[in-house]
Amino acid sequence: MPRKIILLGDSDISRWPSSLHPSIPSAPTVVSNYGKGGACLVDLLEQIKNLDQWEINGDGNSGGEADQLFVCCAGENDVGSGRTMEHILDTFSAVLDSLFPPTNTNQRHESKMIFFGPKFEPWMTDDNPSRKKYTKLSNGFQRVIRKHRACDRIIYIDCLTLFCTKETSSKPGAVYGGRAMPDIQYFDSDGLHLNDAGYGAWKRIVEVKIAESGST
């Protein structure tokens, strides 16, 4: 039976080229992309609702749920829209609850999640307040995950300096001192969205985490 990788999130997900989707070497892989440009965390709840309608019973039975891996990215648009950090993290907790409800009602008992956190982007090179908000968001996401009942099935990828130059990302104060500089080789000309090199990095990360954790 094919393994399922389900992509949920904002434009970082919706723009992910199918040619660079992650795969599972040990089995045929079906990737479904529910991402939508401009999506905030609350929109993931709607994406999950659509998932419940179309994916869970995809072939007429729910036996394939144990083979699902969710790959998600959202939250940057929440910051940009002015939502409070408390509101953002409460919504993130609701997203996790929706994907991983209590065991006695959960048919996704073997499913796992990889969540990509916010990343420093070229447009914010000289915008230290925005960088601080992204750092606070990343730390908050990790706290919520650690406290969640399904924390052992959620892998958080800290992306703050992932797409920064090697020279600056390793300096003292790279994150909190604003020294990490985004590397334009990973981004489109708009300084906001990832290009193929950026998605290639994400693809490799997902495939490594699959191998390490035995996901799906």
Protein backbone atom coordinates (compact mmCIF):
# COMPACT_ATOMS: atom_id res chain seq x y z
CA MET A 1 0.00 0.00 0.00
CA PRO A 2 1.39 3.47 -0.85
CA ARG A 3 2.59 5.62 2.05
CA LYS A 4 1.01 9.07 2.39
CA ILE A 5 2.78 12.36 2.93
CA ILE A 6 0.29 15.16 3.49
CA LEU A 7 1.40 18.78 3.15
CA LEU A 8 -0.48 21.43 5.14
CA GLY A 9 0.21 25.13 5.49
CA ASP A 10 0.75 28.47 3.80
CA SER A 11 2.48 29.53 0.58
CA ASP A 12 5.71 27.84 1.68
CA ILE A 13 3.74 24.62 1.30
CA SER A 14 1.46 25.48 -1.64
CA ARG A 15 4.44 26.57 -3.77
CA TRP A 16 6.41 23.38 -3.07
CA PRO A 17 7.20 21.94 -6.54
CA SER A 18 5.94 18.39 -6.98
CA SER A 19 9.31 17.47 -8.49
CA LEU A 20 10.89 18.27 -5.11
CA HIS A 21 8.35 16.58 -2.88
CA PRO A 22 9.90 14.23 -0.30
CA SER A 23 9.58 10.51 -0.84
CA ILE A 24 9.94 7.32 1.16
CA PRO A 25 12.54 5.02 -0.42
CA SER A 26 11.08 1.86 1.07
CA ALA A 27 7.63 2.20 -0.50
CA PRO A 28 5.60 4.01 -3.17
CA THR A 29 4.78 7.49 -1.89
CA VAL A 30 1.63 9.52 -2.46
CA VAL A 31 1.98 13.23 -1.66
CA SER A 32 -1.11 15.42 -1.25
CA ASN A 33 -0.67 19.19 -0.98
CA TYR A 34 -3.38 21.14 0.87
CA GLY A 35 -1.31 24.31 1.30
CA LYS A 36 -2.76 27.70 0.41
CA GLY A 37 -1.05 31.03 -0.14
CA GLY A 38 -1.65 33.51 2.68
CA ALA A 39 -2.87 30.84 5.09
CA CYS A 40 -2.65 31.45 8.83
CA LEU A 41 -2.70 28.76 11.47
CA VAL A 42 -6.48 28.93 11.78
CA ASP A 43 -6.70 28.04 8.09
CA LEU A 44 -4.88 24.79 8.81
CA LEU A 45 -7.95 23.69 10.76
CA GLU A 46 -9.96 23.99 7.54
CA GLN A 47 -7.27 22.14 5.62
CA ILE A 48 -7.43 19.36 8.20
CA LYS A 49 -11.20 19.28 7.84
CA ASN A 50 -10.77 18.81 4.09
CA LEU A 51 -8.21 16.15 4.84
CA ASP A 52 -10.72 14.32 6.99
CA GLN A 53 -13.19 14.31 4.11
CA TRP A 54 -10.86 13.26 1.29
CA GLU A 55 -7.79 11.52 2.66
CA ILE A 56 -8.77 9.43 5.62
CA ASN A 57 -11.20 7.25 3.73
CA GLY A 58 -9.40 7.72 0.44
CA ASP A 59 -9.86 4.21 -0.89
CA GLY A 60 -13.01 3.35 1.00
CA ASN A 61 -11.38 2.28 4.27
CA SER A 62 -9.38 3.99 6.99
CA GLY A 63 -6.69 1.39 7.26
CA GLY A 64 -4.14 3.63 5.59
CA GLU A 65 -4.14 6.25 8.32
CA ALA A 66 -1.29 4.60 10.15
CA ASP A 67 0.86 5.38 7.12
CA GLN A 68 0.36 9.15 7.16
CA LEU A 69 3.13 11.69 7.67
CA PHE A 70 2.05 15.31 7.99
CA VAL A 71 4.52 17.96 6.84
CA CYS A 72 3.40 21.43 7.89
CA CYS A 73 4.48 25.05 7.87
CA ALA A 74 2.52 28.10 9.02
CA GLY A 75 2.67 30.96 11.49
CA GLU A 76 4.62 33.64 9.64
CA ASN A 77 1.42 35.13 8.22
CA ASP A 78 -0.06 35.19 11.73
CA VAL A 79 2.83 37.39 12.86
CA GLY A 80 2.47 39.59 9.79
CA SER A 81 -1.25 40.06 10.41
CA GLY A 82 -0.62 41.38 13.92
CA ARG A 83 -2.04 38.51 15.93
CA THR A 84 -0.78 38.28 19.49
CA MET A 85 1.69 35.56 20.36
CA GLU A 86 -0.80 34.09 22.83
CA HIS A 87 -3.45 33.83 20.12
CA ILE A 88 -1.00 32.29 17.65
CA LEU A 89 0.19 29.63 20.08
CA ASP A 90 -3.37 28.82 21.21
CA THR A 91 -4.30 28.25 17.57
CA PHE A 92 -1.20 26.12 17.03
CA SER A 93 -2.24 23.99 20.00
CA ALA A 94 -5.68 23.58 18.42
CA VAL A 95 -4.04 22.44 15.17
CA LEU A 96 -2.08 19.78 17.05
CA ASP A 97 -5.23 18.68 18.88
CA SER A 98 -7.04 18.38 15.56
CA LEU A 99 -4.32 16.19 14.06
CA PHE A 100 -3.69 14.20 17.23
CA PRO A 101 -6.94 13.92 19.24
CA PRO A 102 -7.12 11.76 22.39
CA THR A 103 -6.14 8.13 21.86
CA ASN A 104 -9.61 6.73 22.41
CA THR A 105 -10.95 8.76 19.48
CA ASN A 106 -7.82 8.81 17.35
CA GLN A 107 -7.52 6.69 14.26
CA ARG A 108 -4.18 8.38 13.47
CA HIS A 109 -2.42 6.52 16.27
CA GLU A 110 0.68 5.84 14.17
CA SER A 111 0.80 9.10 12.22
CA LYS A 112 3.63 11.58 12.69
CA MET A 113 4.22 15.23 11.95
CA ILE A 114 7.17 17.31 10.80
CA PHE A 115 6.65 21.02 11.42
CA PHE A 116 8.86 23.63 9.78
CA GLY A 117 9.22 26.74 11.93
CA PRO A 118 9.63 30.35 10.79
CA LYS A 119 12.76 31.32 8.89
CA PHE A 120 14.81 34.48 8.57
CA GLU A 121 14.15 35.81 5.06
CA PRO A 122 15.99 38.38 2.91
CA TRP A 123 13.29 41.04 3.31
CA MET A 124 13.96 41.19 7.06
CA THR A 125 17.74 41.60 6.83
CA ASP A 126 17.52 45.07 8.42
CA ASP A 127 14.26 44.45 10.29
CA ASN A 128 15.38 43.30 13.72
CA PRO A 129 11.91 43.66 15.35
CA SER A 130 10.46 41.15 12.86
CA ARG A 131 13.38 38.81 13.43
CA LYS A 132 12.72 38.94 17.16
CA LYS A 133 9.05 38.10 16.59
CA TYR A 134 10.01 35.09 14.46
CA THR A 135 12.44 33.96 17.16
CA LYS A 136 9.76 34.28 19.81
CA LEU A 137 7.35 32.35 17.59
CA SER A 138 9.84 29.53 17.04
CA ASN A 139 10.48 29.23 20.77
CA GLY A 140 6.75 29.27 21.44
CA PHE A 141 6.04 26.53 18.91
CA GLN A 142 8.61 24.32 20.59
CA ARG A 143 7.11 24.90 24.05
CA VAL A 144 3.64 23.97 22.80
CA ILE A 145 4.96 20.79 21.19
CA ARG A 146 6.86 19.73 24.32
CA LYS A 147 3.66 20.01 26.36
CA HIS A 148 1.43 18.18 23.87
CA ARG A 149 0.37 14.59 24.47
CA ALA A 150 1.65 13.61 21.01
CA CYS A 151 5.04 15.31 21.43
CA ASP A 152 6.88 12.06 20.74
CA ARG A 153 5.33 11.98 17.25
CA ILE A 154 6.00 15.62 16.34
CA ILE A 155 9.36 16.65 14.90
CA TYR A 156 10.07 20.38 14.97
CA ILE A 157 12.53 21.80 12.45
CA ASP A 158 14.07 25.06 13.63
CA CYS A 159 14.41 27.05 10.39
CA LEU A 160 15.45 30.42 11.79
CA THR A 161 19.00 30.22 10.43
CA LEU A 162 18.52 27.25 8.11
CA PHE A 163 18.62 29.49 5.04
CA CYS A 164 21.25 31.91 6.32
CA THR A 165 24.86 32.02 5.21
CA LYS A 166 27.12 29.55 7.01
CA GLU A 167 29.48 32.32 8.05
CA THR A 168 26.81 34.37 9.83
CA SER A 169 24.59 31.58 11.18
CA SER A 170 27.43 30.21 13.32
CA LYS A 171 28.43 33.55 14.84
CA PRO A 172 27.66 34.39 18.47
CA GLY A 173 24.43 36.38 18.45
CA ALA A 174 23.32 34.85 15.16
CA VAL A 175 19.72 34.54 16.33
CA TYR A 176 19.27 36.95 19.23
CA GLY A 177 21.81 39.52 18.08
CA GLY A 178 20.53 39.79 14.53
CA ARG A 179 23.79 38.60 12.99
CA ALA A 180 22.47 35.68 10.92
CA MET A 181 22.03 36.89 7.35
CA PRO A 182 19.59 35.16 4.97
CA ASP A 183 21.28 33.61 1.94
CA ILE A 184 19.59 34.73 -1.28
CA GLN A 185 20.57 31.49 -3.03
CA TYR A 186 17.61 29.80 -1.28
CA PHE A 187 14.97 32.42 -2.10
CA ASP A 188 13.01 33.77 -5.03
CA SER A 189 13.69 37.31 -6.18
CA ASP A 190 10.86 38.58 -3.94
CA GLY A 191 13.04 37.86 -0.90
CA LEU A 192 10.14 36.05 0.71
CA HIS A 193 9.45 32.68 -0.89
CA LEU A 194 11.76 29.71 -1.21
CA ASN A 195 13.17 28.71 -4.60
CA ASP A 196 14.08 25.21 -5.77
CA ALA A 197 17.29 25.24 -3.72
CA GLY A 198 15.28 26.01 -0.59
CA TYR A 199 12.75 23.29 -1.28
CA GLY A 200 15.57 20.89 -2.05
CA ALA A 201 16.89 21.51 1.46
CA TRP A 202 13.46 20.83 2.96
CA LYS A 203 13.11 17.66 0.89
CA ARG A 204 16.41 16.34 2.22
CA ILE A 205 15.49 17.19 5.80
CA VAL A 206 12.14 15.38 5.60
CA GLU A 207 13.73 12.30 4.06
CA VAL A 208 16.46 12.23 6.72
CA LYS A 209 13.88 12.53 9.51
CA ILE A 210 11.83 9.74 7.94
CA ALA A 211 14.89 7.51 7.96
CA GLU A 212 15.86 8.46 11.52
CA SER A 213 12.44 8.06 13.08
CA GLY A 214 11.10 5.18 11.05
CA SER A 215 8.10 7.35 10.08
CA THR A 216 5.52 5.53 7.96
